[in-house]
Amino acid sequence: MERENEPLEEPTLPPVDDPTEATPPLLTVREGALFAGLLAGVARRFGFDAVLLRVPVAALLVLGLVFWPPLFIALFALYVFLWLCIPQEDPSPLER
């Protein structure tokens, strides 16, 4: 019966992410870019190394070019489309 008189514990909420630590926007970048900066920008946006994205994309492009040209054409067209649609990062003041 002692439990009935004890105050109820308030449930604790999980910690909220710090809004100051926002993820970077999806932009094509100049720093670390090999061609247009698209894959480097995607990698930076999602927080991993660009090589982990470049190697599979390059392998698919080569395999498509050698074995199945429609795959090459589709991947190349998607790359160019995204390159044109995703805005470019503003240059740093030192590059101006």
N, C-alpha and C. Protein backbone atom coordinates (compact mmCIF):
# COMPACT_ATOMS: atom_id res chain seq x y z
N MET A 1 0.81 -1.19 0.00
CA MET A 1 0.00 0.00 0.00
C MET A 1 0.86 1.26 0.00
N GLU A 2 2.10 1.13 0.33
CA GLU A 2 2.96 2.30 0.31
C GLU A 2 3.14 2.83 -1.10
N ARG A 3 3.05 1.95 -2.07
CA ARG A 3 3.26 2.35 -3.47
C ARG A 3 2.16 3.30 -3.95
N GLU A 4 0.99 3.19 -3.40
CA GLU A 4 -0.09 4.05 -3.85
C GLU A 4 0.15 5.51 -3.49
N ASN A 5 0.86 5.75 -2.41
CA ASN A 5 1.09 7.12 -1.96
C ASN A 5 2.35 7.74 -2.57
N GLU A 6 3.18 6.93 -3.21
CA GLU A 6 4.41 7.48 -3.80
C GLU A 6 4.07 8.27 -5.06
N PRO A 7 4.76 9.35 -5.29
CA PRO A 7 4.51 10.12 -6.52
C PRO A 7 5.00 9.32 -7.73
N LEU A 8 4.29 9.49 -8.82
CA LEU A 8 4.67 8.79 -10.04
C LEU A 8 5.89 9.47 -10.66
N GLU A 9 6.76 8.66 -11.21
CA GLU A 9 7.93 9.21 -11.88
C GLU A 9 7.53 9.70 -13.26
N GLU A 10 8.03 10.85 -13.62
CA GLU A 10 7.75 11.37 -14.95
C GLU A 10 8.59 10.61 -15.97
N PRO A 11 7.99 10.26 -17.08
CA PRO A 11 8.78 9.55 -18.09
C PRO A 11 9.84 10.49 -18.67
N THR A 12 10.99 9.92 -18.95
CA THR A 12 12.07 10.73 -19.53
C THR A 12 11.99 10.62 -21.05
N LEU A 13 12.19 11.72 -21.69
CA LEU A 13 12.17 11.77 -23.13
C LEU A 13 13.57 11.55 -23.69
N PRO A 14 13.68 10.97 -24.87
CA PRO A 14 15.01 10.80 -25.46
C PRO A 14 15.61 12.16 -25.78
N PRO A 15 16.93 12.27 -25.78
CA PRO A 15 17.54 13.57 -26.07
C PRO A 15 17.23 14.01 -27.49
N VAL A 16 17.03 15.29 -27.64
CA VAL A 16 16.74 15.87 -28.96
C VAL A 16 18.05 16.27 -29.60
N ASP A 17 18.16 16.00 -30.91
CA ASP A 17 19.38 16.39 -31.61
C ASP A 17 19.56 17.90 -31.54
N ASP A 18 20.80 18.29 -31.48
CA ASP A 18 21.13 19.71 -31.42
C ASP A 18 20.86 20.34 -32.78
N PRO A 19 19.97 21.32 -32.87
CA PRO A 19 19.65 21.92 -34.17
C PRO A 19 20.82 22.67 -34.78
N THR A 20 21.83 23.02 -33.97
CA THR A 20 22.99 23.71 -34.53
C THR A 20 23.87 22.76 -35.32
N GLU A 21 23.70 21.46 -35.14
CA GLU A 21 24.48 20.47 -35.86
C GLU A 21 23.68 19.95 -37.06
N ALA A 22 23.24 20.85 -37.90
CA ALA A 22 22.43 20.46 -39.05
C ALA A 22 23.30 19.79 -40.10
N THR A 23 22.69 18.89 -40.85
CA THR A 23 23.44 18.23 -41.91
C THR A 23 23.67 19.22 -43.04
N PRO A 24 24.79 19.09 -43.73
CA PRO A 24 25.05 20.03 -44.82
C PRO A 24 24.06 19.81 -45.96
N PRO A 25 23.77 20.86 -46.70
CA PRO A 25 22.83 20.72 -47.81
C PRO A 25 23.46 19.92 -48.96
N LEU A 26 22.63 19.42 -49.83
CA LEU A 26 23.10 18.69 -50.99
C LEU A 26 23.53 19.69 -52.05
N LEU A 27 24.84 19.81 -52.24
CA LEU A 27 25.43 20.74 -53.19
C LEU A 27 26.56 20.05 -53.93
N THR A 28 26.82 20.48 -55.16
CA THR A 28 28.05 20.04 -55.81
C THR A 28 29.17 20.87 -55.20
N VAL A 29 30.29 20.23 -54.95
CA VAL A 29 31.39 20.90 -54.25
C VAL A 29 32.60 21.00 -55.16
N ARG A 30 33.43 21.97 -54.87
CA ARG A 30 34.68 22.13 -55.60
C ARG A 30 35.81 21.40 -54.90
N GLU A 31 35.78 21.43 -53.58
CA GLU A 31 36.84 20.79 -52.81
C GLU A 31 36.67 19.27 -52.87
N GLY A 32 37.65 18.58 -53.37
CA GLY A 32 37.59 17.13 -53.47
C GLY A 32 36.88 16.64 -54.71
N ALA A 33 36.57 17.54 -55.64
CA ALA A 33 35.86 17.15 -56.85
C ALA A 33 36.84 16.58 -57.87
N LEU A 34 36.43 15.50 -58.52
CA LEU A 34 37.23 14.96 -59.61
C LEU A 34 36.70 15.43 -60.95
N PHE A 35 35.39 15.44 -61.11
CA PHE A 35 34.81 15.87 -62.37
C PHE A 35 33.92 17.09 -62.14
N ALA A 36 32.74 16.87 -61.65
CA ALA A 36 31.81 17.98 -61.44
C ALA A 36 31.54 18.24 -59.96
N GLY A 37 32.03 17.39 -59.08
CA GLY A 37 31.80 17.57 -57.66
C GLY A 37 30.50 16.98 -57.16
N LEU A 38 29.78 16.28 -58.03
CA LEU A 38 28.48 15.73 -57.65
C LEU A 38 28.64 14.62 -56.62
N LEU A 39 29.48 13.65 -56.89
CA LEU A 39 29.63 12.53 -55.96
C LEU A 39 30.29 12.97 -54.65
N ALA A 40 31.21 13.92 -54.72
CA ALA A 40 31.81 14.45 -53.49
C ALA A 40 30.76 15.19 -52.65
N GLY A 41 29.86 15.90 -53.31
CA GLY A 41 28.79 16.60 -52.60
C GLY A 41 27.80 15.64 -51.97
N VAL A 42 27.44 14.58 -52.68
CA VAL A 42 26.53 13.57 -52.12
C VAL A 42 27.19 12.88 -50.93
N ALA A 43 28.46 12.55 -51.07
CA ALA A 43 29.17 11.90 -49.96
C ALA A 43 29.26 12.81 -48.75
N ARG A 44 29.53 14.09 -48.97
CA ARG A 44 29.60 15.02 -47.84
C ARG A 44 28.24 15.18 -47.18
N ARG A 45 27.19 15.22 -47.97
CA ARG A 45 25.83 15.38 -47.43
C ARG A 45 25.45 14.22 -46.52
N PHE A 46 25.81 13.00 -46.93
CA PHE A 46 25.42 11.83 -46.14
C PHE A 46 26.52 11.33 -45.21
N GLY A 47 27.64 12.02 -45.16
CA GLY A 47 28.66 11.78 -44.15
C GLY A 47 29.56 10.58 -44.37
N PHE A 48 29.96 10.31 -45.60
CA PHE A 48 30.94 9.25 -45.82
C PHE A 48 31.93 9.69 -46.87
N ASP A 49 32.98 8.88 -47.06
CA ASP A 49 34.05 9.22 -47.98
C ASP A 49 33.57 9.10 -49.42
N ALA A 50 33.98 10.03 -50.26
CA ALA A 50 33.54 10.05 -51.65
C ALA A 50 34.03 8.82 -52.43
N VAL A 51 35.14 8.23 -52.01
CA VAL A 51 35.66 7.06 -52.71
C VAL A 51 34.67 5.90 -52.63
N LEU A 52 33.95 5.81 -51.52
CA LEU A 52 32.95 4.75 -51.37
C LEU A 52 31.80 4.89 -52.35
N LEU A 53 31.64 6.04 -52.93
CA LEU A 53 30.62 6.28 -53.95
C LEU A 53 31.21 6.26 -55.35
N ARG A 54 32.43 6.78 -55.48
CA ARG A 54 33.06 6.86 -56.80
C ARG A 54 33.39 5.49 -57.38
N VAL A 55 33.89 4.59 -56.58
CA VAL A 55 34.31 3.28 -57.08
C VAL A 55 33.13 2.49 -57.66
N PRO A 56 32.01 2.34 -56.94
CA PRO A 56 30.88 1.61 -57.53
C PRO A 56 30.30 2.30 -58.77
N VAL A 57 30.23 3.63 -58.76
CA VAL A 57 29.68 4.34 -59.91
C VAL A 57 30.60 4.16 -61.12
N ALA A 58 31.90 4.26 -60.91
CA ALA A 58 32.84 4.05 -62.01
C ALA A 58 32.77 2.61 -62.53
N ALA A 59 32.66 1.65 -61.61
CA ALA A 59 32.56 0.25 -62.03
C ALA A 59 31.29 0.02 -62.85
N LEU A 60 30.18 0.58 -62.41
CA LEU A 60 28.93 0.44 -63.16
C LEU A 60 29.02 1.11 -64.53
N LEU A 61 29.67 2.26 -64.59
CA LEU A 61 29.83 2.93 -65.88
C LEU A 61 30.68 2.09 -66.83
N VAL A 62 31.78 1.55 -66.34
CA VAL A 62 32.65 0.73 -67.19
C VAL A 62 31.94 -0.55 -67.61
N LEU A 63 31.29 -1.21 -66.68
CA LEU A 63 30.55 -2.43 -67.02
C LEU A 63 29.44 -2.15 -68.01
N GLY A 64 28.77 -1.03 -67.83
CA GLY A 64 27.72 -0.66 -68.77
C GLY A 64 28.27 -0.35 -70.14
N LEU A 65 29.40 0.32 -70.18
CA LEU A 65 30.02 0.66 -71.46
C LEU A 65 30.47 -0.59 -72.21
N VAL A 66 31.01 -1.56 -71.46
CA VAL A 66 31.54 -2.77 -72.09
C VAL A 66 30.44 -3.78 -72.40
N PHE A 67 29.55 -4.04 -71.44
CA PHE A 67 28.62 -5.15 -71.58
C PHE A 67 27.18 -4.75 -71.94
N TRP A 68 26.75 -3.60 -71.47
CA TRP A 68 25.35 -3.23 -71.69
C TRP A 68 25.25 -1.72 -71.84
N PRO A 69 25.41 -1.20 -73.05
CA PRO A 69 25.42 0.25 -73.27
C PRO A 69 24.21 1.02 -72.74
N PRO A 70 23.00 0.45 -72.71
CA PRO A 70 21.90 1.23 -72.12
C PRO A 70 22.14 1.60 -70.64
N LEU A 71 22.83 0.75 -69.90
CA LEU A 71 23.16 1.08 -68.51
C LEU A 71 24.10 2.27 -68.46
N PHE A 72 25.10 2.27 -69.33
CA PHE A 72 26.03 3.39 -69.38
C PHE A 72 25.30 4.68 -69.72
N ILE A 73 24.45 4.63 -70.73
CA ILE A 73 23.71 5.82 -71.15
C ILE A 73 22.81 6.33 -70.03
N ALA A 74 22.12 5.41 -69.35
CA ALA A 74 21.22 5.81 -68.26
C ALA A 74 21.98 6.43 -67.10
N LEU A 75 23.09 5.82 -66.70
CA LEU A 75 23.88 6.36 -65.58
C LEU A 75 24.50 7.71 -65.95
N PHE A 76 25.01 7.80 -67.16
CA PHE A 76 25.61 9.06 -67.59
C PHE A 76 24.55 10.16 -67.66
N ALA A 77 23.38 9.85 -68.19
CA ALA A 77 22.30 10.83 -68.26
C ALA A 77 21.84 11.25 -66.87
N LEU A 78 21.76 10.30 -65.92
CA LEU A 78 21.38 10.62 -64.55
C LEU A 78 22.41 11.53 -63.90
N TYR A 79 23.69 11.23 -64.13
CA TYR A 79 24.77 12.05 -63.57
C TYR A 79 24.67 13.49 -64.09
N VAL A 80 24.50 13.64 -65.40
CA VAL A 80 24.42 14.98 -65.99
C VAL A 80 23.16 15.70 -65.50
N PHE A 81 22.05 14.99 -65.42
CA PHE A 81 20.81 15.59 -64.91
C PHE A 81 20.98 16.10 -63.48
N LEU A 82 21.55 15.27 -62.61
CA LEU A 82 21.75 15.69 -61.22
C LEU A 82 22.76 16.83 -61.13
N TRP A 83 23.78 16.79 -61.96
CA TRP A 83 24.79 17.84 -61.98
C TRP A 83 24.14 19.18 -62.34
N LEU A 84 23.20 19.15 -63.28
CA LEU A 84 22.53 20.39 -63.68
C LEU A 84 21.48 20.85 -62.66
N CYS A 85 20.88 19.91 -61.93
CA CYS A 85 19.80 20.25 -61.00
C CYS A 85 20.28 20.64 -59.61
N ILE A 86 21.36 20.05 -59.16
CA ILE A 86 21.84 20.32 -57.79
C ILE A 86 22.70 21.58 -57.82
N PRO A 87 22.41 22.55 -56.97
CA PRO A 87 23.17 23.81 -57.01
C PRO A 87 24.62 23.60 -56.59
N GLN A 88 25.44 24.51 -57.07
CA GLN A 88 26.87 24.44 -56.75
C GLN A 88 27.15 25.23 -55.49
N GLU A 89 28.09 24.74 -54.73
CA GLU A 89 28.52 25.41 -53.50
C GLU A 89 29.14 26.76 -53.85
N ASP A 90 28.86 27.76 -53.03
CA ASP A 90 29.47 29.08 -53.24
C ASP A 90 30.98 28.96 -53.03
N PRO A 91 31.76 29.62 -53.87
CA PRO A 91 33.21 29.55 -53.67
C PRO A 91 33.61 30.27 -52.38
N SER A 92 34.69 29.81 -51.79
CA SER A 92 35.19 30.46 -50.59
C SER A 92 35.75 31.82 -50.97
N PRO A 93 35.88 32.74 -50.02
CA PRO A 93 36.40 34.08 -50.35
C PRO A 93 37.81 34.03 -50.94
N LEU A 94 38.58 32.99 -50.63
CA LEU A 94 39.94 32.90 -51.17
C LEU A 94 39.93 32.54 -52.66
N GLU A 95 38.89 31.88 -53.15
CA GLU A 95 38.82 31.45 -54.54
C GLU A 95 38.27 32.54 -55.45
N ARG A 96 37.67 33.55 -54.90
CA ARG A 96 37.05 34.61 -55.72
C ARG A 96 38.04 35.47 -56.39
